Amino acid sequence: TSRLLRTLPVAPGAPITVNVHGAAESGSSTTNLPRTLSQLAATDGLQDGVFWLTVADGRVTRIAEQYLP
């Protein structure tokens, strides 16, 4: 396990979804809602979320929040 911090660019058009952080809007923490990168960055409590990042060729190509019951 490496604790090395890495900074990667996000590919233009990379799909980004939230569920727990969109529950107030959708009424369900299991519904995936699309977000832009700037919307995601402005989300309150983001540090408490768990996200899957897909990386290809040194760029983030997908960001998806993991639902935790």
C-alpha atoms as a PDB file:
ATOM      1  CA  THR A   1       0.000   0.000   0.000  1.00  0.00           C
ATOM      2  CA  SER A   2       1.357   3.382  -0.980  1.00  0.00           C
ATOM      3  CA  ARG A   3       0.407   6.597   0.785  1.00  0.00           C
ATOM      4  CA  LEU A   4       1.920   8.678  -1.996  1.00  0.00           C
ATOM      5  CA  LEU A   5      -0.442  11.486  -3.009  1.00  0.00           C
ATOM      6  CA  ARG A   6      -1.046  11.656  -6.731  1.00  0.00           C
ATOM      7  CA  THR A   7      -2.620  14.450  -8.731  1.00  0.00           C
ATOM      8  CA  LEU A   8      -4.201  13.436 -12.034  1.00  0.00           C
ATOM      9  CA  PRO A   9      -6.145  15.405 -14.623  1.00  0.00           C
ATOM     10  CA  VAL A  10      -9.790  14.530 -15.210  1.00  0.00           C
ATOM     11  CA  ALA A  11     -10.520  13.715 -18.835  1.00  0.00           C
ATOM     12  CA  PRO A  12     -12.963  16.071 -20.556  1.00  0.00           C
ATOM     13  CA  GLY A  13     -16.409  14.502 -20.589  1.00  0.00           C
ATOM     14  CA  ALA A  14     -15.547  11.960 -17.886  1.00  0.00           C
ATOM     15  CA  PRO A  15     -18.826  10.743 -16.375  1.00  0.00           C
ATOM     16  CA  ILE A  16     -19.256  11.743 -12.735  1.00  0.00           C
ATOM     17  CA  THR A  17     -22.052  10.392 -10.522  1.00  0.00           C
ATOM     18  CA  VAL A  18     -23.088  10.812  -6.908  1.00  0.00           C
ATOM     19  CA  ASN A  19     -25.744   8.969  -4.941  1.00  0.00           C
ATOM     20  CA  VAL A  20     -25.422   9.568  -1.186  1.00  0.00           C
ATOM     21  CA  HIS A  21     -24.408  13.181  -1.851  1.00  0.00           C
ATOM     22  CA  GLY A  22     -27.439  13.574  -4.122  1.00  0.00           C
ATOM     23  CA  ALA A  23     -30.026  11.954  -1.830  1.00  0.00           C
ATOM     24  CA  ALA A  24     -31.643  15.250  -0.831  1.00  0.00           C
ATOM     25  CA  GLU A  25     -32.281  15.946  -4.517  1.00  0.00           C
ATOM     26  CA  SER A  26     -33.342  12.461  -5.660  1.00  0.00           C
ATOM     27  CA  GLY A  27     -34.986  11.204  -2.479  1.00  0.00           C
ATOM     28  CA  SER A  28     -32.809   8.078  -2.498  1.00  0.00           C
ATOM     29  CA  SER A  29     -29.168   7.435  -1.616  1.00  0.00           C
ATOM     30  CA  THR A  30     -29.039   4.621  -4.164  1.00  0.00           C
ATOM     31  CA  THR A  31     -29.969   6.734  -7.199  1.00  0.00           C
ATOM     32  CA  ASN A  32     -26.983   7.840  -9.267  1.00  0.00           C
ATOM     33  CA  LEU A  33     -27.121  11.479 -10.316  1.00  0.00           C
ATOM     34  CA  PRO A  34     -24.807  13.044 -12.905  1.00  0.00           C
ATOM     35  CA  ARG A  35     -22.551  15.917 -11.881  1.00  0.00           C
ATOM     36  CA  THR A  36     -20.011  18.146 -13.567  1.00  0.00           C
ATOM     37  CA  LEU A  37     -16.537  18.371 -12.082  1.00  0.00           C
ATOM     38  CA  SER A  38     -17.275  21.868 -10.732  1.00  0.00           C
ATOM     39  CA  GLN A  39     -20.553  20.670  -9.166  1.00  0.00           C
ATOM     40  CA  LEU A  40     -18.699  17.795  -7.528  1.00  0.00           C
ATOM     41  CA  ALA A  41     -16.006  20.135  -6.193  1.00  0.00           C
ATOM     42  CA  ALA A  42     -18.691  22.375  -4.661  1.00  0.00           C
ATOM     43  CA  THR A  43     -20.437  19.488  -2.866  1.00  0.00           C
ATOM     44  CA  ASP A  44     -20.570  19.854   0.928  1.00  0.00           C
ATOM     45  CA  GLY A  45     -19.199  16.934   2.945  1.00  0.00           C
ATOM     46  CA  LEU A  46     -17.381  15.445  -0.029  1.00  0.00           C
ATOM     47  CA  GLN A  47     -14.506  14.309   2.214  1.00  0.00           C
ATOM     48  CA  ASP A  48     -16.938  11.883   3.889  1.00  0.00           C
ATOM     49  CA  GLY A  49     -17.793  10.115   0.628  1.00  0.00           C
ATOM     50  CA  VAL A  50     -16.241   7.046  -0.942  1.00  0.00           C
ATOM     51  CA  PHE A  51     -15.541   7.300  -4.657  1.00  0.00           C
ATOM     52  CA  TRP A  52     -14.332   4.923  -7.335  1.00  0.00           C
ATOM     53  CA  LEU A  53     -11.918   6.530  -9.794  1.00  0.00           C
ATOM     54  CA  THR A  54     -11.203   4.917 -13.138  1.00  0.00           C
ATOM     55  CA  VAL A  55      -7.798   5.869 -14.498  1.00  0.00           C
ATOM     56  CA  ALA A  56      -6.545   5.299 -18.033  1.00  0.00           C
ATOM     57  CA  ASP A  57      -3.397   6.707 -19.614  1.00  0.00           C
ATOM     58  CA  GLY A  58      -2.704   8.839 -16.542  1.00  0.00           C
ATOM     59  CA  ARG A  59      -6.120  10.550 -16.567  1.00  0.00           C
ATOM     60  CA  VAL A  60      -9.257  10.043 -14.483  1.00  0.00           C
ATOM     61  CA  THR A  61     -11.889   8.816 -16.932  1.00  0.00           C
ATOM     62  CA  ARG A  62     -14.758   8.179 -14.497  1.00  0.00           C
ATOM     63  CA  ILE A  63     -15.729   9.203 -10.954  1.00  0.00           C
ATOM     64  CA  ALA A  64     -18.549   7.316  -9.221  1.00  0.00           C
ATOM     65  CA  GLU A  65     -19.679   7.581  -5.611  1.00  0.00           C
ATOM     66  CA  GLN A  66     -19.977   4.271  -3.773  1.00  0.00           C
ATOM     67  CA  TYR A  67     -23.248   3.782  -1.890  1.00  0.00           C
ATOM     68  CA  LEU A  68     -22.639   2.696   1.684  1.00  0.00           C
ATOM     69  CA  PRO A  69     -25.685   1.539   3.640  1.00  0.00           C
END
